[in-house]
């Protein structure tokens, strides 16, 4: 668990108790670190973020003869426009997370309301949770949204700069593909789905896809202890949180399967967990939205969809229970096979 972002030698760090920071005492005393201020804690230090796991292009591990253009490569997908700028607070920047989608549903094709979140993974497909789409609703996808209460979204910065985004776009969904083995049981195994948009979207500074990790069936707790981001408006049919008109972000920490199983048992191969967050942080993401790893091994920091919010919202409470996510790398072959069969 950590207590917010900070800066170490100009890069992102996390405020943690000194005893929980992985760096040596000599490293902690030698680097240029911002000060972690907390009224209730006096033992916090800015701890350098661990070097991210090296993630290569998704296309190699799951390569097929005709999928070379199916998933965009790093540099096109997952681009972080903020680089190493650290923004304090919980609102997402207007240019951040351009893949974040709002799923709008309707019973009559006239009145639509926000139901879940999702992520753009190429110019035609949205990745989301199966539990969001198994009911017989008409679904539209909204992309390029930041403030749901305004038609023209603009962000004013303290230095006087102002950035405005084009109007959001709403696109009909012409194909809904939940995982064939998903059931409505309480454990939400295989809680993953793909939505095909009725037409391709054009990438802009405000609408871009997120990258997918390489396929991997075996879970080895390789992400345990790593901080990842979620984003959304708190729009979900399971939330106890009223939501926000502006896109919000929060940082969650991945925990080991053994730690998660103390509360949730069993945990299946296609699942992973985060834990120890404040209830506000756990509620900021949209059900079906992505759990994102920021990989800094590229020239431009790049985000990968490591998980999908599955049971996180169900446990949005002061009890701070671990939250279950669908583990994306386990389902990458299914994602590509489904897209190939329906593109």
C-alpha atoms as a PDB file:
ATOM      1  CA  UNK A   1       0.000   0.000   0.000  1.00  0.00           C
ATOM      2  CA  UNK A   2       1.206   3.546  -0.643  1.00  0.00           C
ATOM      3  CA  UNK A   3       0.028   7.058   0.141  1.00  0.00           C
ATOM      4  CA  UNK A   4       0.195   8.829  -3.204  1.00  0.00           C
ATOM      5  CA  UNK A   5       2.649   9.679  -5.969  1.00  0.00           C
ATOM      6  CA  UNK A   6       5.849  11.679  -5.587  1.00  0.00           C
ATOM      7  CA  UNK A   7       9.060  12.308  -7.543  1.00  0.00           C
ATOM      8  CA  UNK A   8      12.478  10.579  -7.350  1.00  0.00           C
ATOM      9  CA  UNK A   9      15.173  12.067  -9.599  1.00  0.00           C
ATOM     10  CA  UNK A  10      12.418  13.452 -11.820  1.00  0.00           C
ATOM     11  CA  UNK A  11      10.587  10.136 -12.159  1.00  0.00           C
ATOM     12  CA  UNK A  12       7.434   8.786 -10.544  1.00  0.00           C
ATOM     13  CA  UNK A  13       7.719   7.359  -7.042  1.00  0.00           C
ATOM     14  CA  UNK A  14       5.267   6.382  -4.308  1.00  0.00           C
ATOM     15  CA  UNK A  15       4.957   7.629  -0.736  1.00  0.00           C
ATOM     16  CA  UNK A  16       5.489   4.660   1.571  1.00  0.00           C
ATOM     17  CA  UNK A  17       6.701   4.007   5.115  1.00  0.00           C
ATOM     18  CA  UNK A  18      10.486   3.845   4.994  1.00  0.00           C
ATOM     19  CA  UNK A  19      10.453   0.243   6.232  1.00  0.00           C
ATOM     20  CA  UNK A  20       8.333  -0.831   3.241  1.00  0.00           C
ATOM     21  CA  UNK A  21      10.491   0.800   0.555  1.00  0.00           C
ATOM     22  CA  UNK A  22      12.560  -1.709  -1.431  1.00  0.00           C
ATOM     23  CA  UNK A  23      15.535   0.651  -1.863  1.00  0.00           C
ATOM     24  CA  UNK A  24      18.621   0.433   0.334  1.00  0.00           C
ATOM     25  CA  UNK A  25      19.333   3.035   3.016  1.00  0.00           C
ATOM     26  CA  UNK A  26      22.222   4.438   0.978  1.00  0.00           C
ATOM     27  CA  UNK A  27      19.964   4.878  -2.058  1.00  0.00           C
ATOM     28  CA  UNK A  28      17.261   6.515   0.053  1.00  0.00           C
ATOM     29  CA  UNK A  29      19.753   9.035   1.411  1.00  0.00           C
ATOM     30  CA  UNK A  30      21.436   9.884  -1.902  1.00  0.00           C
ATOM     31  CA  UNK A  31      18.634  10.587  -4.373  1.00  0.00           C
ATOM     32  CA  UNK A  32      16.734  13.796  -5.056  1.00  0.00           C
ATOM     33  CA  UNK A  33      13.265  13.061  -3.662  1.00  0.00           C
ATOM     34  CA  UNK A  34      10.159  15.135  -3.138  1.00  0.00           C
ATOM     35  CA  UNK A  35       8.766  15.295   0.391  1.00  0.00           C
ATOM     36  CA  UNK A  36       5.722  13.190   1.268  1.00  0.00           C
ATOM     37  CA  UNK A  37       3.369  15.263   3.389  1.00  0.00           C
ATOM     38  CA  UNK A  38       0.648  13.530   5.379  1.00  0.00           C
ATOM     39  CA  UNK A  39      -1.067  14.888   8.470  1.00  0.00           C
ATOM     40  CA  UNK A  40      -1.480  11.416   9.951  1.00  0.00           C
ATOM     41  CA  UNK A  41       1.897   9.883   8.997  1.00  0.00           C
ATOM     42  CA  UNK A  42       5.397  11.108   9.741  1.00  0.00           C
ATOM     43  CA  UNK A  43       7.289   8.033   8.519  1.00  0.00           C
ATOM     44  CA  UNK A  44       6.652   8.387   4.788  1.00  0.00           C
ATOM     45  CA  UNK A  45       9.414   8.628   2.194  1.00  0.00           C
ATOM     46  CA  UNK A  46       9.273   8.871  -1.577  1.00  0.00           C
ATOM     47  CA  UNK A  47      10.145   5.355  -2.754  1.00  0.00           C
ATOM     48  CA  UNK A  48      11.362   4.841  -6.322  1.00  0.00           C
ATOM     49  CA  UNK A  49       8.993   2.854  -8.509  1.00  0.00           C
ATOM     50  CA  UNK A  50      10.307  -0.625  -9.299  1.00  0.00           C
ATOM     51  CA  UNK A  51      11.574  -1.129 -12.828  1.00  0.00           C
ATOM     52  CA  UNK A  52       8.579  -2.448 -14.762  1.00  0.00           C
ATOM     53  CA  UNK A  53       8.568  -5.963 -16.131  1.00  0.00           C
ATOM     54  CA  UNK A  54       9.871  -5.900 -19.682  1.00  0.00           C
ATOM     55  CA  UNK A  55       6.866  -6.249 -21.949  1.00  0.00           C
ATOM     56  CA  UNK A  56       7.322  -6.794 -25.641  1.00  0.00           C
ATOM     57  CA  UNK A  57       4.812  -6.552 -28.442  1.00  0.00           C
ATOM     58  CA  UNK A  58       1.796  -8.802 -28.067  1.00  0.00           C
ATOM     59  CA  UNK A  59       2.029  -9.989 -31.627  1.00  0.00           C
ATOM     60  CA  UNK A  60       5.060 -12.274 -31.244  1.00  0.00           C
ATOM     61  CA  UNK A  61       3.823 -14.772 -28.622  1.00  0.00           C
ATOM     62  CA  UNK A  62       0.466 -15.208 -30.333  1.00  0.00           C
ATOM     63  CA  UNK A  63       1.453 -14.559 -33.935  1.00  0.00           C
ATOM     64  CA  UNK A  64      -0.816 -15.786 -36.708  1.00  0.00           C
ATOM     65  CA  UNK A  65      -0.439 -15.319 -40.452  1.00  0.00           C
ATOM     66  CA  UNK A  66      -2.978 -12.544 -40.792  1.00  0.00           C
ATOM     67  CA  UNK A  67      -3.002 -10.687 -37.467  1.00  0.00           C
ATOM     68  CA  UNK A  68      -0.045  -8.368 -38.010  1.00  0.00           C
ATOM     69  CA  UNK A  69      -2.293  -5.302 -38.041  1.00  0.00           C
ATOM     70  CA  UNK A  70      -4.849  -6.568 -35.537  1.00  0.00           C
ATOM     71  CA  UNK A  71      -3.229  -5.053 -32.438  1.00  0.00           C
ATOM     72  CA  UNK A  72      -1.376  -1.747 -32.717  1.00  0.00           C
ATOM     73  CA  UNK A  73       2.268  -1.735 -31.557  1.00  0.00           C
ATOM     74  CA  UNK A  74       3.730   0.295 -28.678  1.00  0.00           C
ATOM     75  CA  UNK A  75       4.136   3.853 -29.859  1.00  0.00           C
ATOM     76  CA  UNK A  76       0.636   3.722 -31.287  1.00  0.00           C
ATOM     77  CA  UNK A  77      -1.087   2.034 -28.349  1.00  0.00           C
ATOM     78  CA  UNK A  78      -0.842   2.975 -24.690  1.00  0.00           C
ATOM     79  CA  UNK A  79       0.975   6.277 -25.201  1.00  0.00           C
ATOM     80  CA  UNK A  80       1.288   8.370 -22.035  1.00  0.00           C
ATOM     81  CA  UNK A  81       1.123  12.018 -23.166  1.00  0.00           C
ATOM     82  CA  UNK A  82       2.257  13.301 -19.771  1.00  0.00           C
ATOM     83  CA  UNK A  83       5.641  11.532 -19.810  1.00  0.00           C
ATOM     84  CA  UNK A  84       7.159  12.074 -16.332  1.00  0.00           C
ATOM     85  CA  UNK A  85       4.966  14.985 -15.276  1.00  0.00           C
ATOM     86  CA  UNK A  86       3.418  14.253 -11.898  1.00  0.00           C
ATOM     87  CA  UNK A  87      -0.083  15.550 -11.309  1.00  0.00           C
ATOM     88  CA  UNK A  88      -1.208  15.601  -7.714  1.00  0.00           C
ATOM     89  CA  UNK A  89      -4.867  14.902  -7.126  1.00  0.00           C
ATOM     90  CA  UNK A  90      -7.313  12.349  -8.398  1.00  0.00           C
ATOM     91  CA  UNK A  91      -8.659  13.829 -11.626  1.00  0.00           C
ATOM     92  CA  UNK A  92      -7.234  12.398 -14.824  1.00  0.00           C
ATOM     93  CA  UNK A  93      -5.665  14.886 -17.186  1.00  0.00           C
ATOM     94  CA  UNK A  94      -7.830  15.613 -20.229  1.00  0.00           C
ATOM     95  CA  UNK A  95      -5.300  13.820 -22.463  1.00  0.00           C
ATOM     96  CA  UNK A  96      -4.710  10.840 -20.195  1.00  0.00           C
ATOM     97  CA  UNK A  97      -6.107   7.355 -20.836  1.00  0.00           C
ATOM     98  CA  UNK A  98      -7.534   7.987 -24.309  1.00  0.00           C
ATOM     99  CA  UNK A  99      -8.639   4.334 -24.504  1.00  0.00           C
ATOM    100  CA  UNK A 100     -11.082   4.650 -21.586  1.00  0.00           C
ATOM    101  CA  UNK A 101     -14.603   3.999 -22.846  1.00  0.00           C
ATOM    102  CA  UNK A 102     -18.011   4.462 -21.309  1.00  0.00           C
ATOM    103  CA  UNK A 103     -20.545   1.751 -22.146  1.00  0.00           C
ATOM    104  CA  UNK A 104     -24.008   3.247 -22.520  1.00  0.00           C
ATOM    105  CA  UNK A 105     -27.046   0.976 -22.426  1.00  0.00           C
ATOM    106  CA  UNK A 106     -30.714   1.325 -23.316  1.00  0.00           C
ATOM    107  CA  UNK A 107     -33.899  -0.707 -23.203  1.00  0.00           C
ATOM    108  CA  UNK A 108     -35.590   1.250 -25.991  1.00  0.00           C
ATOM    109  CA  UNK A 109     -32.709   2.561 -28.154  1.00  0.00           C
ATOM    110  CA  UNK A 110     -33.777   6.091 -27.189  1.00  0.00           C
ATOM    111  CA  UNK A 111     -32.618   6.759 -23.654  1.00  0.00           C
ATOM    112  CA  UNK A 112     -29.082   5.642 -22.829  1.00  0.00           C
ATOM    113  CA  UNK A 113     -27.358   5.632 -19.451  1.00  0.00           C
ATOM    114  CA  UNK A 114     -23.774   4.774 -18.412  1.00  0.00           C
ATOM    115  CA  UNK A 115     -23.473   1.189 -17.217  1.00  0.00           C
ATOM    116  CA  UNK A 116     -19.823   0.087 -17.325  1.00  0.00           C
ATOM    117  CA  UNK A 117     -16.403   0.905 -18.658  1.00  0.00           C
ATOM    118  CA  UNK A 118     -14.177  -0.623 -21.288  1.00  0.00           C
ATOM    119  CA  UNK A 119     -10.934  -0.093 -23.192  1.00  0.00           C
ATOM    120  CA  UNK A 120     -10.256   0.557 -26.872  1.00  0.00           C
ATOM    121  CA  UNK A 121      -7.692  -2.047 -28.081  1.00  0.00           C
ATOM    122  CA  UNK A 122      -7.768  -1.252 -31.796  1.00  0.00           C
ATOM    123  CA  UNK A 123      -9.828   0.951 -34.080  1.00  0.00           C
ATOM    124  CA  UNK A 124     -12.825  -1.412 -34.031  1.00  0.00           C
ATOM    125  CA  UNK A 125     -12.816  -3.376 -30.745  1.00  0.00           C
ATOM    126  CA  UNK A 126     -13.534  -2.651 -27.075  1.00  0.00           C
ATOM    127  CA  UNK A 127     -12.330  -4.903 -24.246  1.00  0.00           C
ATOM    128  CA  UNK A 128     -14.616  -5.105 -21.208  1.00  0.00           C
ATOM    129  CA  UNK A 129     -16.069  -7.498 -18.618  1.00  0.00           C
ATOM    130  CA  UNK A 130     -18.627 -10.136 -19.594  1.00  0.00           C
ATOM    131  CA  UNK A 131     -20.886  -9.292 -16.661  1.00  0.00           C
ATOM    132  CA  UNK A 132     -21.385  -5.839 -18.202  1.00  0.00           C
ATOM    133  CA  UNK A 133     -22.862  -7.116 -21.471  1.00  0.00           C
ATOM    134  CA  UNK A 134     -24.748 -10.373 -20.863  1.00  0.00           C
ATOM    135  CA  UNK A 135     -28.081  -8.651 -20.283  1.00  0.00           C
ATOM    136  CA  UNK A 136     -30.217  -7.875 -23.314  1.00  0.00           C
ATOM    137  CA  UNK A 137     -29.455  -4.165 -23.618  1.00  0.00           C
ATOM    138  CA  UNK A 138     -28.712  -2.023 -26.625  1.00  0.00           C
ATOM    139  CA  UNK A 139     -25.142  -0.794 -26.148  1.00  0.00           C
ATOM    140  CA  UNK A 140     -23.268   2.221 -27.415  1.00  0.00           C
ATOM    141  CA  UNK A 141     -19.660   3.107 -26.709  1.00  0.00           C
ATOM    142  CA  UNK A 142     -18.529   6.612 -25.844  1.00  0.00           C
ATOM    143  CA  UNK A 143     -14.910   7.553 -26.566  1.00  0.00           C
ATOM    144  CA  UNK A 144     -13.006  10.791 -26.013  1.00  0.00           C
ATOM    145  CA  UNK A 145     -14.993  11.705 -22.908  1.00  0.00           C
ATOM    146  CA  UNK A 146     -13.578  13.655 -19.976  1.00  0.00           C
ATOM    147  CA  UNK A 147     -16.393  15.653 -18.374  1.00  0.00           C
ATOM    148  CA  UNK A 148     -19.811  14.050 -18.801  1.00  0.00           C
ATOM    149  CA  UNK A 149     -21.637  17.298 -18.015  1.00  0.00           C
ATOM    150  CA  UNK A 150     -20.120  19.398 -20.821  1.00  0.00           C
ATOM    151  CA  UNK A 151     -20.324  19.162 -24.592  1.00  0.00           C
ATOM    152  CA  UNK A 152     -16.917  20.770 -25.113  1.00  0.00           C
ATOM    153  CA  UNK A 153     -14.326  19.518 -22.619  1.00  0.00           C
ATOM    154  CA  UNK A 154     -11.589  21.969 -21.626  1.00  0.00           C
ATOM    155  CA  UNK A 155      -8.983  21.810 -18.875  1.00  0.00           C
ATOM    156  CA  UNK A 156      -7.489  24.967 -17.431  1.00  0.00           C
ATOM    157  CA  UNK A 157      -3.991  24.674 -15.944  1.00  0.00           C
ATOM    158  CA  UNK A 158      -2.526  26.809 -13.177  1.00  0.00           C
ATOM    159  CA  UNK A 159       0.082  28.263 -15.543  1.00  0.00           C
ATOM    160  CA  UNK A 160      -2.697  29.713 -17.686  1.00  0.00           C
ATOM    161  CA  UNK A 161      -2.607  27.090 -20.422  1.00  0.00           C
ATOM    162  CA  UNK A 162      -5.923  25.701 -21.603  1.00  0.00           C
ATOM    163  CA  UNK A 163      -6.449  22.457 -23.495  1.00  0.00           C
ATOM    164  CA  UNK A 164      -9.755  21.600 -25.175  1.00  0.00           C
ATOM    165  CA  UNK A 165     -10.742  18.250 -26.628  1.00  0.00           C
ATOM    166  CA  UNK A 166     -13.023  17.626 -29.613  1.00  0.00           C
ATOM    167  CA  UNK A 167     -16.560  16.503 -28.740  1.00  0.00           C
ATOM    168  CA  UNK A 168     -16.818  12.903 -27.592  1.00  0.00           C
ATOM    169  CA  UNK A 169     -18.076  10.292 -30.036  1.00  0.00           C
ATOM    170  CA  UNK A 170     -20.851   7.745 -29.463  1.00  0.00           C
ATOM    171  CA  UNK A 171     -20.647   4.612 -31.611  1.00  0.00           C
ATOM    172  CA  UNK A 172     -23.119   1.774 -31.921  1.00  0.00           C
ATOM    173  CA  UNK A 173     -22.017  -1.782 -31.169  1.00  0.00           C
ATOM    174  CA  UNK A 174     -22.846  -4.325 -33.860  1.00  0.00           C
ATOM    175  CA  UNK A 175     -21.428  -7.444 -32.168  1.00  0.00           C
ATOM    176  CA  UNK A 176     -21.215  -8.474 -28.496  1.00  0.00           C
ATOM    177  CA  UNK A 177     -18.925 -11.418 -27.695  1.00  0.00           C
ATOM    178  CA  UNK A 178     -18.772 -12.466 -24.034  1.00  0.00           C
ATOM    179  CA  UNK A 179     -16.463 -15.374 -23.272  1.00  0.00           C
ATOM    180  CA  UNK A 180     -18.212 -18.618 -24.170  1.00  0.00           C
ATOM    181  CA  UNK A 181     -17.537 -20.122 -20.734  1.00  0.00           C
ATOM    182  CA  UNK A 182     -18.644 -17.138 -18.684  1.00  0.00           C
ATOM    183  CA  UNK A 183     -21.447 -17.822 -16.210  1.00  0.00           C
ATOM    184  CA  UNK A 184     -23.241 -15.521 -13.812  1.00  0.00           C
ATOM    185  CA  UNK A 185     -21.850 -17.314 -10.741  1.00  0.00           C
ATOM    186  CA  UNK A 186     -20.456 -15.262  -7.878  1.00  0.00           C
ATOM    187  CA  UNK A 187     -16.811 -16.024  -8.769  1.00  0.00           C
ATOM    188  CA  UNK A 188     -17.067 -14.366 -12.225  1.00  0.00           C
ATOM    189  CA  UNK A 189     -14.657 -16.775 -13.908  1.00  0.00           C
ATOM    190  CA  UNK A 190     -13.972 -15.859 -17.581  1.00  0.00           C
ATOM    191  CA  UNK A 191     -15.355 -12.379 -16.962  1.00  0.00           C
ATOM    192  CA  UNK A 192     -14.200 -10.918 -20.264  1.00  0.00           C
ATOM    193  CA  UNK A 193     -15.944  -9.723 -23.418  1.00  0.00           C
ATOM    194  CA  UNK A 194     -15.273  -7.965 -26.702  1.00  0.00           C
ATOM    195  CA  UNK A 195     -17.497  -5.396 -28.400  1.00  0.00           C
ATOM    196  CA  UNK A 196     -17.185  -4.677 -32.109  1.00  0.00           C
ATOM    197  CA  UNK A 197     -17.913  -1.085 -33.077  1.00  0.00           C
ATOM    198  CA  UNK A 198     -20.194  -0.466 -36.040  1.00  0.00           C
ATOM    199  CA  UNK A 199     -17.359   1.393 -37.799  1.00  0.00           C
ATOM    200  CA  UNK A 200     -13.656   2.035 -37.195  1.00  0.00           C
ATOM    201  CA  UNK A 201     -12.569   5.070 -35.188  1.00  0.00           C
ATOM    202  CA  UNK A 202      -9.754   7.441 -36.079  1.00  0.00           C
ATOM    203  CA  UNK A 203      -7.003   7.826 -33.515  1.00  0.00           C
ATOM    204  CA  UNK A 204      -6.463  11.327 -32.133  1.00  0.00           C
ATOM    205  CA  UNK A 205      -4.654  12.904 -29.195  1.00  0.00           C
ATOM    206  CA  UNK A 206      -7.745  12.050 -27.136  1.00  0.00           C
ATOM    207  CA  UNK A 207      -8.763   8.648 -28.577  1.00  0.00           C
ATOM    208  CA  UNK A 208      -6.043   5.987 -28.732  1.00  0.00           C
ATOM    209  CA  UNK A 209      -5.909   2.237 -28.005  1.00  0.00           C
ATOM    210  CA  UNK A 210      -4.223   0.634 -25.012  1.00  0.00           C
ATOM    211  CA  UNK A 211      -1.589  -2.087 -25.472  1.00  0.00           C
ATOM    212  CA  UNK A 212      -2.134  -5.724 -24.494  1.00  0.00           C
ATOM    213  CA  UNK A 213       0.517  -7.852 -22.761  1.00  0.00           C
ATOM    214  CA  UNK A 214       1.936 -11.037 -24.297  1.00  0.00           C
ATOM    215  CA  UNK A 215      -0.083 -14.194 -23.793  1.00  0.00           C
ATOM    216  CA  UNK A 216       0.776 -16.184 -20.677  1.00  0.00           C
ATOM    217  CA  UNK A 217      -1.331 -18.957 -19.165  1.00  0.00           C
ATOM    218  CA  UNK A 218       0.582 -19.579 -15.936  1.00  0.00           C
ATOM    219  CA  UNK A 219       0.313 -16.919 -13.258  1.00  0.00           C
ATOM    220  CA  UNK A 220       3.524 -16.550 -11.266  1.00  0.00           C
ATOM    221  CA  UNK A 221       2.707 -13.517  -9.117  1.00  0.00           C
ATOM    222  CA  UNK A 222       5.055 -11.558 -11.372  1.00  0.00           C
ATOM    223  CA  UNK A 223       3.096  -8.343 -10.764  1.00  0.00           C
ATOM    224  CA  UNK A 224       2.785  -8.742  -6.984  1.00  0.00           C
ATOM    225  CA  UNK A 225       3.681  -5.533  -5.179  1.00  0.00           C
ATOM    226  CA  UNK A 226       3.466  -3.408  -8.308  1.00  0.00           C
ATOM    227  CA  UNK A 227       1.332  -0.280  -8.426  1.00  0.00           C
ATOM    228  CA  UNK A 228      -1.156  -0.030 -11.291  1.00  0.00           C
ATOM    229  CA  UNK A 229      -3.754   2.519 -12.338  1.00  0.00           C
ATOM    230  CA  UNK A 230      -7.490   2.407 -12.818  1.00  0.00           C
ATOM    231  CA  UNK A 231      -9.569   5.149 -14.362  1.00  0.00           C
ATOM    232  CA  UNK A 232     -13.223   5.959 -14.825  1.00  0.00           C
ATOM    233  CA  UNK A 233     -16.262   7.896 -13.748  1.00  0.00           C
ATOM    234  CA  UNK A 234     -17.450   5.381 -11.132  1.00  0.00           C
ATOM    235  CA  UNK A 235     -20.278   4.340 -13.461  1.00  0.00           C
ATOM    236  CA  UNK A 236     -21.315   0.783 -12.774  1.00  0.00           C
ATOM    237  CA  UNK A 237     -24.448  -1.174 -11.999  1.00  0.00           C
ATOM    238  CA  UNK A 238     -22.763  -2.534  -8.855  1.00  0.00           C
ATOM    239  CA  UNK A 239     -21.239   0.619  -7.372  1.00  0.00           C
ATOM    240  CA  UNK A 240     -22.087   2.140  -4.028  1.00  0.00           C
ATOM    241  CA  UNK A 241     -20.208   5.223  -5.184  1.00  0.00           C
ATOM    242  CA  UNK A 242     -22.218   8.026  -6.761  1.00  0.00           C
ATOM    243  CA  UNK A 243     -19.664   8.596  -9.462  1.00  0.00           C
ATOM    244  CA  UNK A 244     -17.963  11.657 -10.882  1.00  0.00           C
ATOM    245  CA  UNK A 245     -18.709  13.866 -13.862  1.00  0.00           C
ATOM    246  CA  UNK A 246     -14.949  14.106 -14.582  1.00  0.00           C
ATOM    247  CA  UNK A 247     -12.734  11.132 -15.375  1.00  0.00           C
ATOM    248  CA  UNK A 248     -10.938  10.028 -12.218  1.00  0.00           C
ATOM    249  CA  UNK A 249      -7.871   7.889 -11.595  1.00  0.00           C
ATOM    250  CA  UNK A 250      -6.543   5.891  -8.688  1.00  0.00           C
ATOM    251  CA  UNK A 251      -3.544   3.684  -7.944  1.00  0.00           C
ATOM    252  CA  UNK A 252      -3.976   0.104  -6.746  1.00  0.00           C
ATOM    253  CA  UNK A 253      -1.333  -2.374  -5.644  1.00  0.00           C
ATOM    254  CA  UNK A 254      -1.310  -5.937  -6.964  1.00  0.00           C
ATOM    255  CA  UNK A 255      -1.160  -8.611  -4.261  1.00  0.00           C
ATOM    256  CA  UNK A 256      -0.152 -12.252  -4.434  1.00  0.00           C
ATOM    257  CA  UNK A 257      -2.661 -15.002  -5.098  1.00  0.00           C
ATOM    258  CA  UNK A 258      -1.980 -16.546  -1.689  1.00  0.00           C
ATOM    259  CA  UNK A 259      -2.773 -13.251   0.032  1.00  0.00           C
ATOM    260  CA  UNK A 260      -5.941 -12.814  -2.012  1.00  0.00           C
ATOM    261  CA  UNK A 261      -7.112 -16.342  -1.239  1.00  0.00           C
ATOM    262  CA  UNK A 262      -7.281 -15.525   2.438  1.00  0.00           C
ATOM    263  CA  UNK A 263     -10.487 -13.656   1.561  1.00  0.00           C
ATOM    264  CA  UNK A 264     -11.516 -14.985  -1.862  1.00  0.00           C
ATOM    265  CA  UNK A 265     -11.205 -18.723  -2.379  1.00  0.00           C
ATOM    266  CA  UNK A 266     -10.607 -20.089  -4.883  1.00  0.00           C
ATOM    267  CA  UNK A 267      -8.829 -17.725  -7.266  1.00  0.00           C
ATOM    268  CA  UNK A 268      -8.782 -19.113 -10.797  1.00  0.00           C
ATOM    269  CA  UNK A 269      -5.911 -18.990 -13.342  1.00  0.00           C
ATOM    270  CA  UNK A 270      -7.544 -16.164 -15.298  1.00  0.00           C
ATOM    271  CA  UNK A 271      -7.844 -13.908 -12.259  1.00  0.00           C
ATOM    272  CA  UNK A 272      -5.589 -11.591 -10.245  1.00  0.00           C
ATOM    273  CA  UNK A 273      -6.060  -9.342  -7.221  1.00  0.00           C
ATOM    274  CA  UNK A 274      -5.289  -5.947  -5.788  1.00  0.00           C
ATOM    275  CA  UNK A 275      -5.661  -5.028  -2.148  1.00  0.00           C
ATOM    276  CA  UNK A 276      -5.150  -2.509   0.638  1.00  0.00           C
ATOM    277  CA  UNK A 277      -6.673   0.489  -1.109  1.00  0.00           C
ATOM    278  CA  UNK A 278      -8.923   3.098   0.360  1.00  0.00           C
ATOM    279  CA  UNK A 279     -12.596   2.575  -0.480  1.00  0.00           C
ATOM    280  CA  UNK A 280     -12.580   5.793  -2.516  1.00  0.00           C
ATOM    281  CA  UNK A 281      -9.738   4.532  -4.714  1.00  0.00           C
ATOM    282  CA  UNK A 282     -11.393   1.194  -5.333  1.00  0.00           C
ATOM    283  CA  UNK A 283     -14.601   2.882  -6.416  1.00  0.00           C
ATOM    284  CA  UNK A 284     -13.134   5.272  -8.971  1.00  0.00           C
ATOM    285  CA  UNK A 285     -12.760   2.748 -11.736  1.00  0.00           C
ATOM    286  CA  UNK A 286     -15.607   1.616 -13.936  1.00  0.00           C
ATOM    287  CA  UNK A 287     -16.571  -2.033 -13.833  1.00  0.00           C
ATOM    288  CA  UNK A 288     -15.165  -3.500 -17.048  1.00  0.00           C
ATOM    289  CA  UNK A 289     -12.393  -0.895 -17.226  1.00  0.00           C
ATOM    290  CA  UNK A 290      -8.687  -1.702 -17.297  1.00  0.00           C
ATOM    291  CA  UNK A 291      -6.115  -2.244 -14.568  1.00  0.00           C
ATOM    292  CA  UNK A 292      -3.125  -0.568 -16.213  1.00  0.00           C
ATOM    293  CA  UNK A 293       0.640  -0.963 -15.917  1.00  0.00           C
ATOM    294  CA  UNK A 294       2.768   2.014 -16.972  1.00  0.00           C
ATOM    295  CA  UNK A 295       5.850   0.575 -18.664  1.00  0.00           C
ATOM    296  CA  UNK A 296       8.809   2.952 -18.859  1.00  0.00           C
ATOM    297  CA  UNK A 297      11.137   0.683 -20.849  1.00  0.00           C
ATOM    298  CA  UNK A 298      10.117   2.446 -24.086  1.00  0.00           C
ATOM    299  CA  UNK A 299      11.186   5.929 -25.189  1.00  0.00           C
ATOM    300  CA  UNK A 300       7.634   7.062 -24.455  1.00  0.00           C
ATOM    301  CA  UNK A 301       6.048   5.529 -21.323  1.00  0.00           C
ATOM    302  CA  UNK A 302       3.395   3.057 -22.453  1.00  0.00           C
ATOM    303  CA  UNK A 303       0.316   1.644 -20.709  1.00  0.00           C
ATOM    304  CA  UNK A 304      -0.733  -2.002 -20.872  1.00  0.00           C
ATOM    305  CA  UNK A 305      -4.109  -3.482 -19.906  1.00  0.00           C
ATOM    306  CA  UNK A 306      -3.039  -6.077 -17.347  1.00  0.00           C
ATOM    307  CA  UNK A 307      -6.457  -6.641 -15.781  1.00  0.00           C
ATOM    308  CA  UNK A 308     -10.174  -5.927 -16.185  1.00  0.00           C
ATOM    309  CA  UNK A 309     -12.234  -4.723 -13.212  1.00  0.00           C
ATOM    310  CA  UNK A 310     -14.409  -7.712 -12.376  1.00  0.00           C
ATOM    311  CA  UNK A 311     -15.358  -8.034  -8.706  1.00  0.00           C
ATOM    312  CA  UNK A 312     -13.701  -4.802  -7.593  1.00  0.00           C
ATOM    313  CA  UNK A 313     -16.888  -2.766  -7.409  1.00  0.00           C
ATOM    314  CA  UNK A 314     -18.756  -5.444  -5.484  1.00  0.00           C
ATOM    315  CA  UNK A 315     -16.281  -4.981  -2.648  1.00  0.00           C
ATOM    316  CA  UNK A 316     -16.276  -1.200  -2.719  1.00  0.00           C
ATOM    317  CA  UNK A 317     -16.630  -0.710   1.036  1.00  0.00           C
ATOM    318  CA  UNK A 318     -14.755   0.508   4.116  1.00  0.00           C
ATOM    319  CA  UNK A 319     -13.704  -3.102   4.758  1.00  0.00           C
ATOM    320  CA  UNK A 320     -11.003  -2.701   2.086  1.00  0.00           C
ATOM    321  CA  UNK A 321     -11.262  -6.264   0.834  1.00  0.00           C
ATOM    322  CA  UNK A 322      -9.031  -7.470  -2.003  1.00  0.00           C
ATOM    323  CA  UNK A 323     -10.541  -6.907  -5.421  1.00  0.00           C
ATOM    324  CA  UNK A 324     -10.598  -9.482  -8.195  1.00  0.00           C
ATOM    325  CA  UNK A 325      -9.642  -8.619 -11.768  1.00  0.00           C
ATOM    326  CA  UNK A 326      -9.725 -10.672 -14.941  1.00  0.00           C
ATOM    327  CA  UNK A 327      -6.086 -11.335 -15.922  1.00  0.00           C
ATOM    328  CA  UNK A 328      -5.757 -10.175 -19.539  1.00  0.00           C
ATOM    329  CA  UNK A 329      -2.572 -12.082 -20.476  1.00  0.00           C
ATOM    330  CA  UNK A 330      -4.390 -15.373 -19.832  1.00  0.00           C
ATOM    331  CA  UNK A 331      -7.029 -14.447 -22.426  1.00  0.00           C
ATOM    332  CA  UNK A 332      -4.893 -12.860 -25.168  1.00  0.00           C
ATOM    333  CA  UNK A 333      -5.232 -15.947 -27.447  1.00  0.00           C
ATOM    334  CA  UNK A 334      -9.022 -15.833 -26.992  1.00  0.00           C
ATOM    335  CA  UNK A 335      -9.043 -12.087 -27.705  1.00  0.00           C
ATOM    336  CA  UNK A 336      -7.085 -12.475 -30.950  1.00  0.00           C
ATOM    337  CA  UNK A 337      -9.013 -15.554 -32.100  1.00  0.00           C
ATOM    338  CA  UNK A 338     -12.318 -13.770 -31.494  1.00  0.00           C
ATOM    339  CA  UNK A 339     -11.223 -10.666 -33.341  1.00  0.00           C
ATOM    340  CA  UNK A 340      -9.860 -12.656 -36.275  1.00  0.00           C
ATOM    341  CA  UNK A 341     -13.058 -14.684 -36.587  1.00  0.00           C
ATOM    342  CA  UNK A 342     -15.251 -11.582 -36.577  1.00  0.00           C
ATOM    343  CA  UNK A 343     -13.247  -8.887 -38.367  1.00  0.00           C
END
